Each structure stands twice: as C-alpha cells, then as structure tokens.
C-alpha cells in the first residue's frame, strides 16, 4: 500500500484547505483510513478516521465541527476538509491505512503516507 498526501499549504486563520490522500492499492474500499498530525517536539496526534465504507467517522475533540473526513472509493482517495483553520492546526498531516474493520477510531494502522505541511498564519 502506498499513500500520497497532498493539499497542504500556507493559509490565513479562518481559511480552509482540503487535504487528499491517494492510495495505490487493490481493494482500497477494504481499508479504514485515518489522518494524523504532528508538530516538532510533540507526539503525533490522531485527528480523524473513517471506516472502510464511510459509515463510521470519528474526530478528536479539538477538530470536531471544523474537520470533515470523507472518502471516494472509486478514486482510491480519502479527504480531510479543514475549515475555520487556527494557528494551532499548523502541523504536518499524515494519512494512514488500516486493514481493520469496525467502527472508527479503533484501528491499527499499518501503512503511512509521507505527510503534507499545513501552516496557518494568524
């Protein structure tokens, strides 16, 4: 499984971005997907997850209501729509894939993308 994240950039506080994660894998629809973020000196933070069929989603408290995770299994892509960006959202965002089934967010992630940098200016 290869994952390619994109869509990061520099944006002003209050703005929006849509991150994409394209997967090179057979049967993408069999994988649960997640988004994580990390800033220097801090642990990686689990921010959103979506089940294999999109029927279950989860968000960490700090992003709930501003982030939306979705997937298009026909395009082998998972998205993270980020609205009302805050400076504290600045981080490298990583997508990850899990072969686990069940409801989000309890997945063991086996595959990781390379990350895309989101920078939010105040």
C-alpha atoms as a PDB file:
ATOM      1  CA  UNK A   1       0.000   0.000   0.000  1.00  0.00           C
ATOM      2  CA  UNK A   2       1.354   3.383  -0.990  1.00  0.00           C
ATOM      3  CA  UNK A   3      -0.231   6.588   0.238  1.00  0.00           C
ATOM      4  CA  UNK A   4       0.368  10.036  -1.201  1.00  0.00           C
ATOM      5  CA  UNK A   5      -0.898  13.007   0.787  1.00  0.00           C
ATOM      6  CA  UNK A   6      -1.311  16.412  -0.794  1.00  0.00           C
ATOM      7  CA  UNK A   7      -3.142  19.687  -0.439  1.00  0.00           C
ATOM      8  CA  UNK A   8      -1.205  21.338   2.334  1.00  0.00           C
ATOM      9  CA  UNK A   9      -0.084  24.929   2.176  1.00  0.00           C
ATOM     10  CA  UNK A  10       0.006  28.313   3.838  1.00  0.00           C
ATOM     11  CA  UNK A  11      -3.355  29.764   4.760  1.00  0.00           C
ATOM     12  CA  UNK A  12      -4.606  32.534   6.986  1.00  0.00           C
ATOM     13  CA  UNK A  13      -6.507  31.784  10.153  1.00  0.00           C
ATOM     14  CA  UNK A  14     -10.157  31.260   9.388  1.00  0.00           C
ATOM     15  CA  UNK A  15      -9.440  29.843   5.978  1.00  0.00           C
ATOM     16  CA  UNK A  16      -9.952  26.354   4.596  1.00  0.00           C
ATOM     17  CA  UNK A  17      -7.958  23.604   2.988  1.00  0.00           C
ATOM     18  CA  UNK A  18      -8.787  20.200   1.617  1.00  0.00           C
ATOM     19  CA  UNK A  19      -6.177  17.541   2.049  1.00  0.00           C
ATOM     20  CA  UNK A  20      -6.187  14.495  -0.182  1.00  0.00           C
ATOM     21  CA  UNK A  21      -4.616  11.102   0.254  1.00  0.00           C
ATOM     22  CA  UNK A  22      -4.397   8.925  -2.823  1.00  0.00           C
ATOM     23  CA  UNK A  23      -3.840   5.227  -2.271  1.00  0.00           C
ATOM     24  CA  UNK A  24      -2.128   2.848  -4.619  1.00  0.00           C
ATOM     25  CA  UNK A  25      -3.664  -0.407  -3.519  1.00  0.00           C
ATOM     26  CA  UNK A  26      -6.098  -3.011  -4.675  1.00  0.00           C
ATOM     27  CA  UNK A  27      -9.379  -3.040  -2.835  1.00  0.00           C
ATOM     28  CA  UNK A  28      -8.966   0.410  -1.293  1.00  0.00           C
ATOM     29  CA  UNK A  29     -12.522   0.093  -0.055  1.00  0.00           C
ATOM     30  CA  UNK A  30     -11.351  -2.637   2.303  1.00  0.00           C
ATOM     31  CA  UNK A  31      -9.228  -0.217   4.320  1.00  0.00           C
ATOM     32  CA  UNK A  32     -10.144   2.105   7.113  1.00  0.00           C
ATOM     33  CA  UNK A  33      -8.327   5.409   6.813  1.00  0.00           C
ATOM     34  CA  UNK A  34      -7.087   7.947   9.264  1.00  0.00           C
ATOM     35  CA  UNK A  35      -5.478  11.352   9.428  1.00  0.00           C
ATOM     36  CA  UNK A  36      -2.824  12.283  11.948  1.00  0.00           C
ATOM     37  CA  UNK A  37      -0.814  15.425  12.502  1.00  0.00           C
ATOM     38  CA  UNK A  38       2.479  16.215  14.146  1.00  0.00           C
ATOM     39  CA  UNK A  39       4.407  19.309  15.083  1.00  0.00           C
ATOM     40  CA  UNK A  40       8.102  19.388  16.059  1.00  0.00           C
ATOM     41  CA  UNK A  41       8.679  18.245  19.597  1.00  0.00           C
ATOM     42  CA  UNK A  42       5.185  16.852  20.022  1.00  0.00           C
ATOM     43  CA  UNK A  43       3.704  13.416  19.720  1.00  0.00           C
ATOM     44  CA  UNK A  44       1.712  12.521  16.681  1.00  0.00           C
ATOM     45  CA  UNK A  45      -1.954  13.324  17.170  1.00  0.00           C
ATOM     46  CA  UNK A  46      -4.788  11.211  15.805  1.00  0.00           C
ATOM     47  CA  UNK A  47      -7.322  13.665  14.401  1.00  0.00           C
ATOM     48  CA  UNK A  48      -9.845  11.829  12.220  1.00  0.00           C
ATOM     49  CA  UNK A  49     -10.797   8.391  10.981  1.00  0.00           C
ATOM     50  CA  UNK A  50     -13.244   6.816   8.588  1.00  0.00           C
ATOM     51  CA  UNK A  51     -14.318   3.215   8.246  1.00  0.00           C
ATOM     52  CA  UNK A  52     -13.870   1.141   5.128  1.00  0.00           C
ATOM     53  CA  UNK A  53     -17.323   2.018   3.800  1.00  0.00           C
ATOM     54  CA  UNK A  54     -17.525   5.554   5.154  1.00  0.00           C
ATOM     55  CA  UNK A  55     -20.294   4.594   7.528  1.00  0.00           C
ATOM     56  CA  UNK A  56     -18.365   5.460  10.647  1.00  0.00           C
ATOM     57  CA  UNK A  57     -16.300   8.567  11.255  1.00  0.00           C
ATOM     58  CA  UNK A  58     -14.522   9.964  14.275  1.00  0.00           C
ATOM     59  CA  UNK A  59     -12.795  13.217  15.205  1.00  0.00           C
ATOM     60  CA  UNK A  60     -10.669  14.236  18.094  1.00  0.00           C
ATOM     61  CA  UNK A  61     -12.321  16.894  20.235  1.00  0.00           C
ATOM     62  CA  UNK A  62     -10.124  19.763  19.131  1.00  0.00           C
ATOM     63  CA  UNK A  63     -11.161  19.444  15.491  1.00  0.00           C
ATOM     64  CA  UNK A  64     -14.725  18.204  15.703  1.00  0.00           C
ATOM     65  CA  UNK A  65     -17.030  20.584  13.846  1.00  0.00           C
ATOM     66  CA  UNK A  66     -14.190  22.037  11.767  1.00  0.00           C
ATOM     67  CA  UNK A  67     -12.691  18.955  10.101  1.00  0.00           C
ATOM     68  CA  UNK A  68     -14.576  16.576   7.841  1.00  0.00           C
ATOM     69  CA  UNK A  69     -13.169  13.270   6.694  1.00  0.00           C
ATOM     70  CA  UNK A  70     -14.602  11.592   3.622  1.00  0.00           C
ATOM     71  CA  UNK A  71     -13.612   9.042   1.045  1.00  0.00           C
ATOM     72  CA  UNK A  72     -14.217   8.257  -2.581  1.00  0.00           C
ATOM     73  CA  UNK A  73     -13.571   4.572  -3.041  1.00  0.00           C
ATOM     74  CA  UNK A  74     -13.919   4.865  -6.807  1.00  0.00           C
ATOM     75  CA  UNK A  75     -10.927   7.224  -6.786  1.00  0.00           C
ATOM     76  CA  UNK A  76      -8.957   5.430  -4.070  1.00  0.00           C
ATOM     77  CA  UNK A  77      -8.819   8.692  -2.180  1.00  0.00           C
ATOM     78  CA  UNK A  78      -9.581   9.933   1.296  1.00  0.00           C
ATOM     79  CA  UNK A  79     -10.056  13.616   2.037  1.00  0.00           C
ATOM     80  CA  UNK A  80      -9.784  15.877   5.028  1.00  0.00           C
ATOM     81  CA  UNK A  81     -11.690  19.125   4.682  1.00  0.00           C
ATOM     82  CA  UNK A  82     -10.349  21.625   7.191  1.00  0.00           C
ATOM     83  CA  UNK A  83     -12.412  24.736   7.862  1.00  0.00           C
ATOM     84  CA  UNK A  84     -12.019  27.620  10.281  1.00  0.00           C
ATOM     85  CA  UNK A  85      -8.305  26.986  10.470  1.00  0.00           C
ATOM     86  CA  UNK A  86      -6.473  28.063  13.582  1.00  0.00           C
ATOM     87  CA  UNK A  87      -2.751  28.673  14.081  1.00  0.00           C
ATOM     88  CA  UNK A  88      -2.665  25.630  16.356  1.00  0.00           C
ATOM     89  CA  UNK A  89      -3.675  23.482  13.386  1.00  0.00           C
ATOM     90  CA  UNK A  90      -0.216  24.084  11.927  1.00  0.00           C
ATOM     91  CA  UNK A  91       1.396  20.678  11.513  1.00  0.00           C
ATOM     92  CA  UNK A  92       2.470  18.021   9.091  1.00  0.00           C
ATOM     93  CA  UNK A  93      -0.605  15.968   8.297  1.00  0.00           C
ATOM     94  CA  UNK A  94      -0.265  12.273   7.562  1.00  0.00           C
ATOM     95  CA  UNK A  95      -2.760   9.806   6.196  1.00  0.00           C
ATOM     96  CA  UNK A  96      -2.698   6.178   7.189  1.00  0.00           C
ATOM     97  CA  UNK A  97      -4.444   2.970   6.194  1.00  0.00           C
ATOM     98  CA  UNK A  98      -5.667   0.091   8.297  1.00  0.00           C
ATOM     99  CA  UNK A  99      -6.922  -3.319   7.272  1.00  0.00           C
ATOM    100  CA  UNK A 100      -9.182  -3.389  10.318  1.00  0.00           C
ATOM    101  CA  UNK A 101     -12.944  -3.386  10.125  1.00  0.00           C
ATOM    102  CA  UNK A 102     -15.353  -1.991  12.632  1.00  0.00           C
ATOM    103  CA  UNK A 103     -16.243   1.470  13.753  1.00  0.00           C
ATOM    104  CA  UNK A 104     -13.812   4.346  13.872  1.00  0.00           C
ATOM    105  CA  UNK A 105     -11.441   5.129  15.502  1.00  0.00           C
ATOM    106  CA  UNK A 106     -10.173   1.831  16.847  1.00  0.00           C
ATOM    107  CA  UNK A 107      -7.798   0.757  14.119  1.00  0.00           C
ATOM    108  CA  UNK A 108      -4.238  -0.409  13.922  1.00  0.00           C
ATOM    109  CA  UNK A 109      -2.566   1.473  11.118  1.00  0.00           C
ATOM    110  CA  UNK A 110      -0.073  -0.411   9.010  1.00  0.00           C
ATOM    111  CA  UNK A 111       0.596   1.981   6.160  1.00  0.00           C
ATOM    112  CA  UNK A 112       1.577   5.642   6.204  1.00  0.00           C
ATOM    113  CA  UNK A 113       1.883   8.444   3.708  1.00  0.00           C
ATOM    114  CA  UNK A 114       4.712  10.947   3.614  1.00  0.00           C
ATOM    115  CA  UNK A 115       2.852  13.921   5.071  1.00  0.00           C
ATOM    116  CA  UNK A 116       1.758  17.305   3.823  1.00  0.00           C
ATOM    117  CA  UNK A 117       2.522  20.543   5.670  1.00  0.00           C
ATOM    118  CA  UNK A 118      -0.264  22.858   6.742  1.00  0.00           C
ATOM    119  CA  UNK A 119       0.788  26.266   8.007  1.00  0.00           C
ATOM    120  CA  UNK A 120      -1.782  28.639   9.432  1.00  0.00           C
ATOM    121  CA  UNK A 121      -0.834  32.265   9.902  1.00  0.00           C
ATOM    122  CA  UNK A 122      -2.541  34.437  12.459  1.00  0.00           C
END
